[in-house]
Amino acid sequence: MSDNAREIFQKNLEHIMRLRGVTNTDICLALGVASGTVSSWVTGKKYPRVDVMQRLADYLGVRMSMLTSEDGMKDLEDMERLEALHQNPRLRLLFDRSRKMKPEDVETMLAVTSSILKELDGE
């Protein structure tokens, strides 16, 4: 595995762990791996096997590509925007449609929807 791939994985893993409020210990317990193993991932010294990485991605609630690609954090931000959209009862109707949209279209939709909601709320 190239150093660059480990660096990308390490950076993305740290970021996702921070966002999710997950610790090394949480991952050890959830995946049944040694603390030294998780520590080596978090520090970028090692890269997990593909099957373990998929379990890690599942545990963190992300796609594996969000851990392995340079665009992983952008994908995660897009996913979180869609989740926020889904959690808002007033916007839930748009959620299914937004899954098929390009990220820039989602941004436009969110901006327009936010503007409409502010107007409806009298802001």
PDB file of N, CA and C in Angstrom:
ATOM      1  N   MET A   1       0.859  -1.181   0.000  1.00  0.00           N
ATOM      2  CA  MET A   1       0.000   0.000   0.000  1.00  0.00           C
ATOM      3  C   MET A   1       0.898   1.234   0.000  1.00  0.00           C
ATOM      4  N   SER A   2       0.590   2.199  -0.847  1.00  0.00           N
ATOM      5  CA  SER A   2       1.419   3.390  -0.941  1.00  0.00           C
ATOM      6  C   SER A   2       1.269   4.263   0.299  1.00  0.00           C
ATOM      7  N   ASP A   3       2.323   5.054   0.556  1.00  0.00           N
ATOM      8  CA  ASP A   3       2.272   5.981   1.690  1.00  0.00           C
ATOM      9  C   ASP A   3       1.127   6.968   1.526  1.00  0.00           C
ATOM     10  N   ASN A   4       0.877   7.394   0.290  1.00  0.00           N
ATOM     11  CA  ASN A   4      -0.194   8.356   0.036  1.00  0.00           C
ATOM     12  C   ASN A   4      -1.554   7.778   0.405  1.00  0.00           C
ATOM     13  N   ALA A   5      -1.789   6.515   0.060  1.00  0.00           N
ATOM     14  CA  ALA A   5      -3.069   5.877   0.385  1.00  0.00           C
ATOM     15  C   ALA A   5      -3.246   5.794   1.897  1.00  0.00           C
ATOM     16  N   ARG A   6      -2.170   5.449   2.618  1.00  0.00           N
ATOM     17  CA  ARG A   6      -2.254   5.392   4.086  1.00  0.00           C
ATOM     18  C   ARG A   6      -2.522   6.776   4.668  1.00  0.00           C
ATOM     19  N   GLU A   7      -1.894   7.795   4.106  1.00  0.00           N
ATOM     20  CA  GLU A   7      -2.102   9.160   4.594  1.00  0.00           C
ATOM     21  C   GLU A   7      -3.546   9.606   4.383  1.00  0.00           C
ATOM     22  N   ILE A   8      -4.095   9.315   3.220  1.00  0.00           N
ATOM     23  CA  ILE A   8      -5.489   9.672   2.925  1.00  0.00           C
ATOM     24  C   ILE A   8      -6.416   8.943   3.881  1.00  0.00           C
ATOM     25  N   PHE A   9      -6.190   7.637   4.045  1.00  0.00           N
ATOM     26  CA  PHE A   9      -7.013   6.847   4.957  1.00  0.00           C
ATOM     27  C   PHE A   9      -6.916   7.401   6.379  1.00  0.00           C
ATOM     28  N   GLN A  10      -5.718   7.663   6.837  1.00  0.00           N
ATOM     29  CA  GLN A  10      -5.494   8.156   8.201  1.00  0.00           C
ATOM     30  C   GLN A  10      -6.201   9.488   8.416  1.00  0.00           C
ATOM     31  N   LYS A  11      -6.048  10.395   7.473  1.00  0.00           N
ATOM     32  CA  LYS A  11      -6.674  11.722   7.581  1.00  0.00           C
ATOM     33  C   LYS A  11      -8.198  11.602   7.598  1.00  0.00           C
ATOM     34  N   ASN A  12      -8.741  10.804   6.686  1.00  0.00           N
ATOM     35  CA  ASN A  12     -10.191  10.639   6.611  1.00  0.00           C
ATOM     36  C   ASN A  12     -10.737   9.926   7.846  1.00  0.00           C
ATOM     37  N   LEU A  13     -10.027   8.890   8.308  1.00  0.00           N
ATOM     38  CA  LEU A  13     -10.466   8.174   9.500  1.00  0.00           C
ATOM     39  C   LEU A  13     -10.512   9.098  10.707  1.00  0.00           C
ATOM     40  N   GLU A  14      -9.471   9.864  10.915  1.00  0.00           N
ATOM     41  CA  GLU A  14      -9.450  10.802  12.047  1.00  0.00           C
ATOM     42  C   GLU A  14     -10.609  11.789  11.976  1.00  0.00           C
ATOM     43  N   HIS A  15     -10.847  12.306  10.792  1.00  0.00           N
ATOM     44  CA  HIS A  15     -11.919  13.287  10.612  1.00  0.00           C
ATOM     45  C   HIS A  15     -13.292  12.670  10.902  1.00  0.00           C
ATOM     46  N   ILE A  16     -13.533  11.492  10.367  1.00  0.00           N
ATOM     47  CA  ILE A  16     -14.820  10.827  10.568  1.00  0.00           C
ATOM     48  C   ILE A  16     -15.000  10.454  12.037  1.00  0.00           C
ATOM     49  N   MET A  17     -13.935   9.972  12.655  1.00  0.00           N
ATOM     50  CA  MET A  17     -14.020   9.629  14.084  1.00  0.00           C
ATOM     51  C   MET A  17     -14.385  10.863  14.902  1.00  0.00           C
ATOM     52  N   ARG A  18     -13.773  11.986  14.583  1.00  0.00           N
ATOM     53  CA  ARG A  18     -14.064  13.234  15.299  1.00  0.00           C
ATOM     54  C   ARG A  18     -15.521  13.640  15.090  1.00  0.00           C
ATOM     55  N   LEU A  19     -15.994  13.580  13.855  1.00  0.00           N
ATOM     56  CA  LEU A  19     -17.380  13.946  13.557  1.00  0.00           C
ATOM     57  C   LEU A  19     -18.379  13.035  14.260  1.00  0.00           C
ATOM     58  N   ARG A  20     -18.065  11.762  14.313  1.00  0.00           N
ATOM     59  CA  ARG A  20     -18.971  10.776  14.898  1.00  0.00           C
ATOM     60  C   ARG A  20     -18.802  10.636  16.410  1.00  0.00           C
ATOM     61  N   GLY A  21     -17.756  11.258  16.966  1.00  0.00           N
ATOM     62  CA  GLY A  21     -17.498  11.138  18.398  1.00  0.00           C
ATOM     63  C   GLY A  21     -17.072   9.735  18.789  1.00  0.00           C
ATOM     64  N   VAL A  22     -16.308   9.094  17.928  1.00  0.00           N
ATOM     65  CA  VAL A  22     -15.879   7.716  18.129  1.00  0.00           C
ATOM     66  C   VAL A  22     -14.413   7.703  18.571  1.00  0.00           C
ATOM     67  N   THR A  23     -14.102   6.860  19.543  1.00  0.00           N
ATOM     68  CA  THR A  23     -12.727   6.729  20.026  1.00  0.00           C
ATOM     69  C   THR A  23     -12.088   5.458  19.483  1.00  0.00           C
ATOM     70  N   ASN A  24     -10.776   5.361  19.665  1.00  0.00           N
ATOM     71  CA  ASN A  24     -10.071   4.137  19.286  1.00  0.00           C
ATOM     72  C   ASN A  24     -10.673   2.939  20.013  1.00  0.00           C
ATOM     73  N   THR A  25     -10.971   3.122  21.283  1.00  0.00           N
ATOM     74  CA  THR A  25     -11.540   2.042  22.088  1.00  0.00           C
ATOM     75  C   THR A  25     -12.885   1.596  21.532  1.00  0.00           C
ATOM     76  N   ASP A  26     -13.708   2.555  21.114  1.00  0.00           N
ATOM     77  CA  ASP A  26     -15.011   2.203  20.520  1.00  0.00           C
ATOM     78  C   ASP A  26     -14.814   1.288  19.316  1.00  0.00           C
ATOM     79  N   ILE A  27     -13.846   1.629  18.470  1.00  0.00           N
ATOM     80  CA  ILE A  27     -13.587   0.837  17.268  1.00  0.00           C
ATOM     81  C   ILE A  27     -13.060  -0.541  17.644  1.00  0.00           C
ATOM     82  N   CYS A  28     -12.152  -0.587  18.615  1.00  0.00           N
ATOM     83  CA  CYS A  28     -11.621  -1.887  19.076  1.00  0.00           C
ATOM     84  C   CYS A  28     -12.751  -2.807  19.498  1.00  0.00           C
ATOM     85  N   LEU A  29     -13.646  -2.282  20.321  1.00  0.00           N
ATOM     86  CA  LEU A  29     -14.747  -3.092  20.834  1.00  0.00           C
ATOM     87  C   LEU A  29     -15.721  -3.491  19.731  1.00  0.00           C
ATOM     88  N   ALA A  30     -16.035  -2.557  18.846  1.00  0.00           N
ATOM     89  CA  ALA A  30     -17.015  -2.831  17.789  1.00  0.00           C
ATOM     90  C   ALA A  30     -16.494  -3.836  16.764  1.00  0.00           C
ATOM     91  N   LEU A  31     -15.216  -3.764  16.446  1.00  0.00           N
ATOM     92  CA  LEU A  31     -14.661  -4.618  15.396  1.00  0.00           C
ATOM     93  C   LEU A  31     -13.932  -5.840  15.942  1.00  0.00           C
ATOM     94  N   GLY A  32     -13.696  -5.846  17.247  1.00  0.00           N
ATOM     95  CA  GLY A  32     -12.973  -6.968  17.832  1.00  0.00           C
ATOM     96  C   GLY A  32     -11.516  -7.025  17.423  1.00  0.00           C
ATOM     97  N   VAL A  33     -10.891  -5.855  17.329  1.00  0.00           N
ATOM     98  CA  VAL A  33      -9.474  -5.801  16.979  1.00  0.00           C
ATOM     99  C   VAL A  33      -8.693  -5.201  18.144  1.00  0.00           C
ATOM    100  N   ALA A  34      -7.397  -5.432  18.143  1.00  0.00           N
ATOM    101  CA  ALA A  34      -6.533  -4.952  19.218  1.00  0.00           C
ATOM    102  C   ALA A  34      -6.383  -3.435  19.169  1.00  0.00           C
ATOM    103  N   SER A  35      -6.158  -2.852  20.333  1.00  0.00           N
ATOM    104  CA  SER A  35      -6.003  -1.391  20.399  1.00  0.00           C
ATOM    105  C   SER A  35      -4.796  -0.934  19.598  1.00  0.00           C
ATOM    106  N   GLY A  36      -3.742  -1.742  19.579  1.00  0.00           N
ATOM    107  CA  GLY A  36      -2.560  -1.383  18.790  1.00  0.00           C
ATOM    108  C   GLY A  36      -2.862  -1.333  17.303  1.00  0.00           C
ATOM    109  N   THR A  37      -3.768  -2.180  16.863  1.00  0.00           N
ATOM    110  CA  THR A  37      -4.162  -2.200  15.451  1.00  0.00           C
ATOM    111  C   THR A  37      -4.865  -0.906  15.083  1.00  0.00           C
ATOM    112  N   VAL A  38      -5.843  -0.515  15.895  1.00  0.00           N
ATOM    113  CA  VAL A  38      -6.567   0.728  15.613  1.00  0.00           C
ATOM    114  C   VAL A  38      -5.617   1.912  15.705  1.00  0.00           C
ATOM    115  N   SER A  39      -4.742   1.900  16.687  1.00  0.00           N
ATOM    116  CA  SER A  39      -3.764   2.977  16.836  1.00  0.00           C
ATOM    117  C   SER A  39      -2.890   3.099  15.588  1.00  0.00           C
ATOM    118  N   SER A  40      -2.499   1.959  15.021  1.00  0.00           N
ATOM    119  CA  SER A  40      -1.669   2.000  13.812  1.00  0.00           C
ATOM    120  C   SER A  40      -2.427   2.566  12.618  1.00  0.00           C
ATOM    121  N   TRP A  41      -3.759   2.378  12.580  1.00  0.00           N
ATOM    122  CA  TRP A  41      -4.565   2.987  11.511  1.00  0.00           C
ATOM    123  C   TRP A  41      -4.645   4.494  11.712  1.00  0.00           C
ATOM    124  N   VAL A  42      -4.923   4.894  12.941  1.00  0.00           N
ATOM    125  CA  VAL A  42      -5.132   6.310  13.256  1.00  0.00           C
ATOM    126  C   VAL A  42      -3.844   7.117  13.060  1.00  0.00           C
ATOM    127  N   THR A  43      -2.704   6.483  13.276  1.00  0.00           N
ATOM    128  CA  THR A  43      -1.431   7.186  13.091  1.00  0.00           C
ATOM    129  C   THR A  43      -0.889   7.055  11.676  1.00  0.00           C
ATOM    130  N   GLY A  44      -1.562   6.263  10.841  1.00  0.00           N
ATOM    131  CA  GLY A  44      -1.145   6.113   9.449  1.00  0.00           C
ATOM    132  C   GLY A  44      -0.006   5.142   9.243  1.00  0.00           C
ATOM    133  N   LYS A  45       0.298   4.332  10.250  1.00  0.00           N
ATOM    134  CA  LYS A  45       1.385   3.362  10.113  1.00  0.00           C
ATOM    135  C   LYS A  45       0.949   2.124   9.343  1.00  0.00           C
ATOM    136  N   LYS A  46      -0.307   1.767   9.473  1.00  0.00           N
ATOM    137  CA  LYS A  46      -0.830   0.588   8.780  1.00  0.00           C
ATOM    138  C   LYS A  46      -2.165   0.919   8.138  1.00  0.00           C
ATOM    139  N   TYR A  47      -2.562   0.029   7.256  1.00  0.00           N
ATOM    140  CA  TYR A  47      -3.790   0.149   6.488  1.00  0.00           C
ATOM    141  C   TYR A  47      -4.564  -1.154   6.707  1.00  0.00           C
ATOM    142  N   PRO A  48      -5.831  -1.105   7.070  1.00  0.00           N
ATOM    143  CA  PRO A  48      -6.556  -2.358   7.334  1.00  0.00           C
ATOM    144  C   PRO A  48      -6.811  -3.161   6.059  1.00  0.00           C
ATOM    145  N   ARG A  49      -7.009  -4.462   6.267  1.00  0.00           N
ATOM    146  CA  ARG A  49      -7.420  -5.303   5.145  1.00  0.00           C
ATOM    147  C   ARG A  49      -8.774  -4.811   4.643  1.00  0.00           C
ATOM    148  N   VAL A  50      -9.090  -5.135   3.409  1.00  0.00           N
ATOM    149  CA  VAL A  50     -10.324  -4.663   2.784  1.00  0.00           C
ATOM    150  C   VAL A  50     -11.555  -5.114   3.565  1.00  0.00           C
ATOM    151  N   ASP A  51     -11.592  -6.350   4.019  1.00  0.00           N
ATOM    152  CA  ASP A  51     -12.766  -6.827   4.749  1.00  0.00           C
ATOM    153  C   ASP A  51     -12.927  -6.083   6.080  1.00  0.00           C
ATOM    154  N   VAL A  52     -11.823  -5.795   6.737  1.00  0.00           N
ATOM    155  CA  VAL A  52     -11.874  -5.059   8.004  1.00  0.00           C
ATOM    156  C   VAL A  52     -12.250  -3.597   7.745  1.00  0.00           C
ATOM    157  N   MET A  53     -11.728  -3.053   6.659  1.00  0.00           N
ATOM    158  CA  MET A  53     -12.070  -1.671   6.331  1.00  0.00           C
ATOM    159  C   MET A  53     -13.565  -1.529   6.045  1.00  0.00           C
ATOM    160  N   GLN A  54     -14.159  -2.525   5.399  1.00  0.00           N
ATOM    161  CA  GLN A  54     -15.600  -2.470   5.140  1.00  0.00           C
ATOM    162  C   GLN A  54     -16.374  -2.521   6.445  1.00  0.00           C
ATOM    163  N   ARG A  55     -15.944  -3.346   7.382  1.00  0.00           N
ATOM    164  CA  ARG A  55     -16.594  -3.397   8.697  1.00  0.00           C
ATOM    165  C   ARG A  55     -16.443  -2.062   9.424  1.00  0.00           C
ATOM    166  N   LEU A  56     -15.267  -1.444   9.287  1.00  0.00           N
ATOM    167  CA  LEU A  56     -15.026  -0.136   9.894  1.00  0.00           C
ATOM    168  C   LEU A  56     -15.949   0.911   9.283  1.00  0.00           C
ATOM    169  N   ALA A  57     -16.041   0.909   7.961  1.00  0.00           N
ATOM    170  CA  ALA A  57     -16.924   1.854   7.274  1.00  0.00           C
ATOM    171  C   ALA A  57     -18.372   1.652   7.717  1.00  0.00           C
ATOM    172  N   ASP A  58     -18.799   0.404   7.803  1.00  0.00           N
ATOM    173  CA  ASP A  58     -20.162   0.107   8.255  1.00  0.00           C
ATOM    174  C   ASP A  58     -20.381   0.628   9.669  1.00  0.00           C
ATOM    175  N   TYR A  59     -19.422   0.396  10.541  1.00  0.00           N
ATOM    176  CA  TYR A  59     -19.535   0.861  11.927  1.00  0.00           C
ATOM    177  C   TYR A  59     -19.639   2.385  11.987  1.00  0.00           C
ATOM    178  N   LEU A  60     -18.846   3.071  11.160  1.00  0.00           N
ATOM    179  CA  LEU A  60     -18.845   4.539  11.162  1.00  0.00           C
ATOM    180  C   LEU A  60     -20.019   5.125  10.379  1.00  0.00           C
ATOM    181  N   GLY A  61     -20.750   4.286   9.661  1.00  0.00           N
ATOM    182  CA  GLY A  61     -21.898   4.752   8.898  1.00  0.00           C
ATOM    183  C   GLY A  61     -21.531   5.514   7.645  1.00  0.00           C
ATOM    184  N   VAL A  62     -20.429   5.090   7.009  1.00  0.00           N
ATOM    185  CA  VAL A  62     -19.973   5.746   5.783  1.00  0.00           C
ATOM    186  C   VAL A  62     -19.687   4.687   4.722  1.00  0.00           C
ATOM    187  N   ARG A  63     -19.555   5.149   3.489  1.00  0.00           N
ATOM    188  CA  ARG A  63     -19.108   4.254   2.425  1.00  0.00           C
ATOM    189  C   ARG A  63     -17.594   4.080   2.553  1.00  0.00           C
ATOM    190  N   MET A  64     -17.084   2.940   2.149  1.00  0.00           N
ATOM    191  CA  MET A  64     -15.647   2.696   2.237  1.00  0.00           C
ATOM    192  C   MET A  64     -14.858   3.752   1.460  1.00  0.00           C
ATOM    193  N   SER A  65     -15.394   4.228   0.364  1.00  0.00           N
ATOM    194  CA  SER A  65     -14.689   5.243  -0.427  1.00  0.00           C
ATOM    195  C   SER A  65     -14.474   6.535   0.362  1.00  0.00           C
ATOM    196  N   MET A  66     -15.313   6.764   1.372  1.00  0.00           N
ATOM    197  CA  MET A  66     -15.130   7.960   2.198  1.00  0.00           C
ATOM    198  C   MET A  66     -13.896   7.836   3.085  1.00  0.00           C
ATOM    199  N   LEU A  67     -13.459   6.625   3.313  1.00  0.00           N
ATOM    200  CA  LEU A  67     -12.230   6.402   4.072  1.00  0.00           C
ATOM    201  C   LEU A  67     -11.001   6.398   3.171  1.00  0.00           C
ATOM    202  N   THR A  68     -11.170   6.001   1.918  1.00  0.00           N
ATOM    203  CA  THR A  68     -10.008   5.730   1.078  1.00  0.00           C
ATOM    204  C   THR A  68      -9.703   6.764  -0.001  1.00  0.00           C
ATOM    205  N   SER A  69     -10.657   7.623  -0.321  1.00  0.00           N
ATOM    206  CA  SER A  69     -10.416   8.544  -1.439  1.00  0.00           C
ATOM    207  C   SER A  69     -10.124   9.960  -0.959  1.00  0.00           C
ATOM    208  N   GLU A  70      -9.406  10.681  -1.789  1.00  0.00           N
ATOM    209  CA  GLU A  70      -9.104  12.081  -1.461  1.00  0.00           C
ATOM    210  C   GLU A  70     -10.379  12.913  -1.389  1.00  0.00           C
ATOM    211  N   ASP A  71     -11.396  12.495  -2.121  1.00  0.00           N
ATOM    212  CA  ASP A  71     -12.677  13.190  -2.090  1.00  0.00           C
ATOM    213  C   ASP A  71     -13.598  12.656  -1.002  1.00  0.00           C
ATOM    214  N   GLY A  72     -13.088  11.777  -0.167  1.00  0.00           N
ATOM    215  CA  GLY A  72     -13.898  11.151   0.857  1.00  0.00           C
ATOM    216  C   GLY A  72     -14.593  12.133   1.778  1.00  0.00           C
ATOM    217  N   MET A  73     -13.913  13.185   2.178  1.00  0.00           N
ATOM    218  CA  MET A  73     -14.515  14.153   3.094  1.00  0.00           C
ATOM    219  C   MET A  73     -15.590  14.966   2.393  1.00  0.00           C
ATOM    220  N   LYS A  74     -15.389  15.254   1.117  1.00  0.00           N
ATOM    221  CA  LYS A  74     -16.430  15.965   0.368  1.00  0.00           C
ATOM    222  C   LYS A  74     -17.674  15.079   0.266  1.00  0.00           C
ATOM    223  N   ASP A  75     -17.455  13.789   0.001  1.00  0.00           N
ATOM    224  CA  ASP A  75     -18.575  12.846  -0.056  1.00  0.00           C
ATOM    225  C   ASP A  75     -19.299  12.779   1.284  1.00  0.00           C
ATOM    226  N   LEU A  76     -18.529  12.795   2.370  1.00  0.00           N
ATOM    227  CA  LEU A  76     -19.127  12.739   3.700  1.00  0.00           C
ATOM    228  C   LEU A  76     -19.950  13.995   3.973  1.00  0.00           C
ATOM    229  N   GLU A  77     -19.428  15.148   3.598  1.00  0.00           N
ATOM    230  CA  GLU A  77     -20.174  16.394   3.792  1.00  0.00           C
ATOM    231  C   GLU A  77     -21.475  16.367   3.004  1.00  0.00           C
ATOM    232  N   ASP A  78     -21.416  15.863   1.777  1.00  0.00           N
ATOM    233  CA  ASP A  78     -22.634  15.748   0.965  1.00  0.00           C
ATOM    234  C   ASP A  78     -23.636  14.816   1.636  1.00  0.00           C
ATOM    235  N   MET A  79     -23.141  13.688   2.145  1.00  0.00           N
ATOM    236  CA  MET A  79     -24.009  12.732   2.810  1.00  0.00           C
ATOM    237  C   MET A  79     -24.653  13.362   4.053  1.00  0.00           C
ATOM    238  N   GLU A  80     -23.869  14.128   4.808  1.00  0.00           N
ATOM    239  CA  GLU A  80     -24.414  14.759   6.007  1.00  0.00           C
ATOM    240  C   GLU A  80     -25.461  15.812   5.656  1.00  0.00           C
ATOM    241  N   ARG A  81     -25.264  16.526   4.570  1.00  0.00           N
ATOM    242  CA  ARG A  81     -26.275  17.491   4.123  1.00  0.00           C
ATOM    243  C   ARG A  81     -27.579  16.777   3.797  1.00  0.00           C
ATOM    244  N   LEU A  82     -27.464  15.646   3.108  1.00  0.00           N
ATOM    245  CA  LEU A  82     -28.660  14.881   2.757  1.00  0.00           C
ATOM    246  C   LEU A  82     -29.338  14.319   4.004  1.00  0.00           C
ATOM    247  N   GLU A  83     -28.535  13.869   4.970  1.00  0.00           N
ATOM    248  CA  GLU A  83     -29.115  13.366   6.214  1.00  0.00           C
ATOM    249  C   GLU A  83     -29.853  14.477   6.949  1.00  0.00           C
ATOM    250  N   ALA A  84     -29.259  15.678   6.969  1.00  0.00           N
ATOM    251  CA  ALA A  84     -29.906  16.815   7.619  1.00  0.00           C
ATOM    252  C   ALA A  84     -31.219  17.142   6.916  1.00  0.00           C
ATOM    253  N   LEU A  85     -31.201  17.054   5.614  1.00  0.00           N
ATOM    254  CA  LEU A  85     -32.404  17.292   4.833  1.00  0.00           C
ATOM    255  C   LEU A  85     -33.482  16.275   5.207  1.00  0.00           C
ATOM    256  N   HIS A  86     -33.082  15.032   5.341  1.00  0.00           N
ATOM    257  CA  HIS A  86     -34.030  13.967   5.677  1.00  0.00           C
ATOM    258  C   HIS A  86     -34.584  14.134   7.088  1.00  0.00           C
ATOM    259  N   GLN A  87     -33.786  14.628   8.015  1.00  0.00           N
ATOM    260  CA  GLN A  87     -34.215  14.768   9.401  1.00  0.00           C
ATOM    261  C   GLN A  87     -35.214  15.902   9.602  1.00  0.00           C
ATOM    262  N   ASN A  88     -35.251  16.849   8.697  1.00  0.00           N
ATOM    263  CA  ASN A  88     -36.159  17.981   8.813  1.00  0.00           C
ATOM    264  C   ASN A  88     -37.511  17.565   8.217  1.00  0.00           C
ATOM    265  N   PRO A  89     -38.551  17.459   9.073  1.00  0.00           N
ATOM    266  CA  PRO A  89     -39.853  16.996   8.575  1.00  0.00           C
ATOM    267  C   PRO A  89     -40.394  17.843   7.427  1.00  0.00           C
ATOM    268  N   ARG A  90     -40.059  19.125   7.441  1.00  0.00           N
ATOM    269  CA  ARG A  90     -40.575  20.007   6.403  1.00  0.00           C
ATOM    270  C   ARG A  90     -39.868  19.804   5.073  1.00  0.00           C
ATOM    271  N   LEU A  91     -38.712  19.185   5.128  1.00  0.00           N
ATOM    272  CA  LEU A  91     -37.940  18.989   3.902  1.00  0.00           C
ATOM    273  C   LEU A  91     -37.848  17.525   3.482  1.00  0.00           C
ATOM    274  N   ARG A  92     -38.396  16.638   4.276  1.00  0.00           N
ATOM    275  CA  ARG A  92     -38.268  15.204   4.025  1.00  0.00           C
ATOM    276  C   ARG A  92     -38.736  14.826   2.624  1.00  0.00           C
ATOM    277  N   LEU A  93     -39.752  15.496   2.140  1.00  0.00           N
ATOM    278  CA  LEU A  93     -40.286  15.214   0.817  1.00  0.00           C
ATOM    279  C   LEU A  93     -39.206  15.316  -0.263  1.00  0.00           C
ATOM    280  N   LEU A  94     -38.270  16.236  -0.063  1.00  0.00           N
ATOM    281  CA  LEU A  94     -37.223  16.446  -1.061  1.00  0.00           C
ATOM    282  C   LEU A  94     -36.095  15.423  -0.969  1.00  0.00           C
ATOM    283  N   PHE A  95     -36.029  14.707   0.140  1.00  0.00           N
ATOM    284  CA  PHE A  95     -34.891  13.831   0.375  1.00  0.00           C
ATOM    285  C   PHE A  95     -34.714  12.781  -0.724  1.00  0.00           C
ATOM    286  N   ASP A  96     -35.754  12.085  -1.059  1.00  0.00           N
ATOM    287  CA  ASP A  96     -35.622  11.026  -2.050  1.00  0.00           C
ATOM    288  C   ASP A  96     -35.124  11.565  -3.386  1.00  0.00           C
ATOM    289  N   ARG A  97     -35.600  12.730  -3.735  1.00  0.00           N
ATOM    290  CA  ARG A  97     -35.154  13.336  -4.993  1.00  0.00           C
ATOM    291  C   ARG A  97     -33.686  13.724  -4.928  1.00  0.00           C
ATOM    292  N   SER A  98     -33.246  14.188  -3.765  1.00  0.00           N
ATOM    293  CA  SER A  98     -31.883  14.699  -3.637  1.00  0.00           C
ATOM    294  C   SER A  98     -30.831  13.600  -3.742  1.00  0.00           C
ATOM    295  N   ARG A  99     -31.189  12.370  -3.483  1.00  0.00           N
ATOM    296  CA  ARG A  99     -30.223  11.270  -3.559  1.00  0.00           C
ATOM    297  C   ARG A  99     -29.651  11.108  -4.955  1.00  0.00           C
ATOM    298  N   LYS A 100     -30.415  11.492  -5.961  1.00  0.00           N
ATOM    299  CA  LYS A 100     -29.982  11.301  -7.339  1.00  0.00           C
ATOM    300  C   LYS A 100     -29.337  12.559  -7.922  1.00  0.00           C
ATOM    301  N   MET A 101     -29.222  13.596  -7.122  1.00  0.00           N
ATOM    302  CA  MET A 101     -28.691  14.869  -7.611  1.00  0.00           C
ATOM    303  C   MET A 101     -27.170  14.950  -7.507  1.00  0.00           C
ATOM    304  N   LYS A 102     -26.600  15.790  -8.334  1.00  0.00           N
ATOM    305  CA  LYS A 102     -25.187  16.110  -8.223  1.00  0.00           C
ATOM    306  C   LYS A 102     -25.014  17.032  -7.018  1.00  0.00           C
ATOM    307  N   PRO A 103     -23.825  17.022  -6.398  1.00  0.00           N
ATOM    308  CA  PRO A 103     -23.601  17.854  -5.200  1.00  0.00           C
ATOM    309  C   PRO A 103     -23.949  19.329  -5.405  1.00  0.00           C
ATOM    310  N   GLU A 104     -23.621  19.865  -6.564  1.00  0.00           N
ATOM    311  CA  GLU A 104     -23.911  21.289  -6.802  1.00  0.00           C
ATOM    312  C   GLU A 104     -25.426  21.533  -6.886  1.00  0.00           C
ATOM    313  N   ASP A 105     -26.163  20.548  -7.383  1.00  0.00           N
ATOM    314  CA  ASP A 105     -27.620  20.679  -7.435  1.00  0.00           C
ATOM    315  C   ASP A 105     -28.227  20.602  -6.031  1.00  0.00           C
ATOM    316  N   VAL A 106     -27.624  19.759  -5.175  1.00  0.00           N
ATOM    317  CA  VAL A 106     -28.085  19.669  -3.793  1.00  0.00           C
ATOM    318  C   VAL A 106     -27.875  21.015  -3.104  1.00  0.00           C
ATOM    319  N   GLU A 107     -26.708  21.628  -3.321  1.00  0.00           N
ATOM    320  CA  GLU A 107     -26.416  22.939  -2.723  1.00  0.00           C
ATOM    321  C   GLU A 107     -27.439  23.979  -3.180  1.00  0.00           C
ATOM    322  N   THR A 108     -27.738  23.995  -4.461  1.00  0.00           N
ATOM    323  CA  THR A 108     -28.720  24.939  -4.993  1.00  0.00           C
ATOM    324  C   THR A 108     -30.086  24.693  -4.377  1.00  0.00           C
ATOM    325  N   MET A 109     -30.478  23.421  -4.306  1.00  0.00           N
ATOM    326  CA  MET A 109     -31.770  23.081  -3.727  1.00  0.00           C
ATOM    327  C   MET A 109     -31.849  23.512  -2.257  1.00  0.00           C
ATOM    328  N   LEU A 110     -30.772  23.277  -1.511  1.00  0.00           N
ATOM    329  CA  LEU A 110     -30.761  23.670  -0.101  1.00  0.00           C
ATOM    330  C   LEU A 110     -30.861  25.188   0.057  1.00  0.00           C
ATOM    331  N   ALA A 111     -30.169  25.922  -0.779  1.00  0.00           N
ATOM    332  CA  ALA A 111     -30.209  27.384  -0.705  1.00  0.00           C
ATOM    333  C   ALA A 111     -31.613  27.906  -1.014  1.00  0.00           C
ATOM    334  N   VAL A 112     -32.213  27.381  -2.055  1.00  0.00           N
ATOM    335  CA  VAL A 112     -33.562  27.807  -2.434  1.00  0.00           C
ATOM    336  C   VAL A 112     -34.559  27.430  -1.347  1.00  0.00           C
ATOM    337  N   THR A 113     -34.467  26.198  -0.860  1.00  0.00           N
ATOM    338  CA  THR A 113     -35.385  25.732   0.174  1.00  0.00           C
ATOM    339  C   THR A 113     -35.231  26.545   1.450  1.00  0.00           C
ATOM    340  N   SER A 114     -34.012  26.832   1.820  1.00  0.00           N
ATOM    341  CA  SER A 114     -33.758  27.636   3.012  1.00  0.00           C
ATOM    342  C   SER A 114     -34.380  29.015   2.869  1.00  0.00           C
ATOM    343  N   SER A 115     -34.243  29.593   1.707  1.00  0.00           N
ATOM    344  CA  SER A 115     -34.836  30.906   1.442  1.00  0.00           C
ATOM    345  C   SER A 115     -36.361  30.858   1.546  1.00  0.00           C
ATOM    346  N   ILE A 116     -36.945  29.828   0.983  1.00  0.00           N
ATOM    347  CA  ILE A 116     -38.406  29.671   1.033  1.00  0.00           C
ATOM    348  C   ILE A 116     -38.873  29.501   2.474  1.00  0.00           C
ATOM    349  N   LEU A 117     -38.172  28.675   3.232  1.00  0.00           N
ATOM    350  CA  LEU A 117     -38.563  28.450   4.625  1.00  0.00           C
ATOM    351  C   LEU A 117     -38.440  29.723   5.460  1.00  0.00           C
ATOM    352  N   LYS A 118     -37.411  30.504   5.215  1.00  0.00           N
ATOM    353  CA  LYS A 118     -37.256  31.772   5.942  1.00  0.00           C
ATOM    354  C   LYS A 118     -38.425  32.702   5.628  1.00  0.00           C
ATOM    355  N   GLU A 119     -38.812  32.740   4.370  1.00  0.00           N
ATOM    356  CA  GLU A 119     -39.951  33.573   3.967  1.00  0.00           C
ATOM    357  C   GLU A 119     -41.239  33.086   4.627  1.00  0.00           C
ATOM    358  N   LEU A 120     -41.437  31.777   4.641  1.00  0.00           N
ATOM    359  CA  LEU A 120     -42.645  31.221   5.269  1.00  0.00           C
ATOM    360  C   LEU A 120     -42.678  31.487   6.766  1.00  0.00           C
ATOM    361  N   ASP A 121     -41.497  31.477   7.392  1.00  0.00           N
ATOM    362  CA  ASP A 121     -41.404  31.706   8.828  1.00  0.00           C
ATOM    363  C   ASP A 121     -41.399  33.202   9.176  1.00  0.00           C
ATOM    364  N   GLY A 122     -41.449  34.055   8.155  1.00  0.00           N
ATOM    365  CA  GLY A 122     -41.507  35.491   8.383  1.00  0.00           C
ATOM    366  C   GLY A 122     -40.185  36.109   8.801  1.00  0.00           C
ATOM    367  N   GLU A 123     -39.095  35.491   8.427  1.00  0.00           N
ATOM    368  CA  GLU A 123     -37.781  36.046   8.793  1.00  0.00           C
ATOM    369  C   GLU A 123     -37.298  37.024   7.763  1.00  0.00           C
TER     370      GLU A 123
END
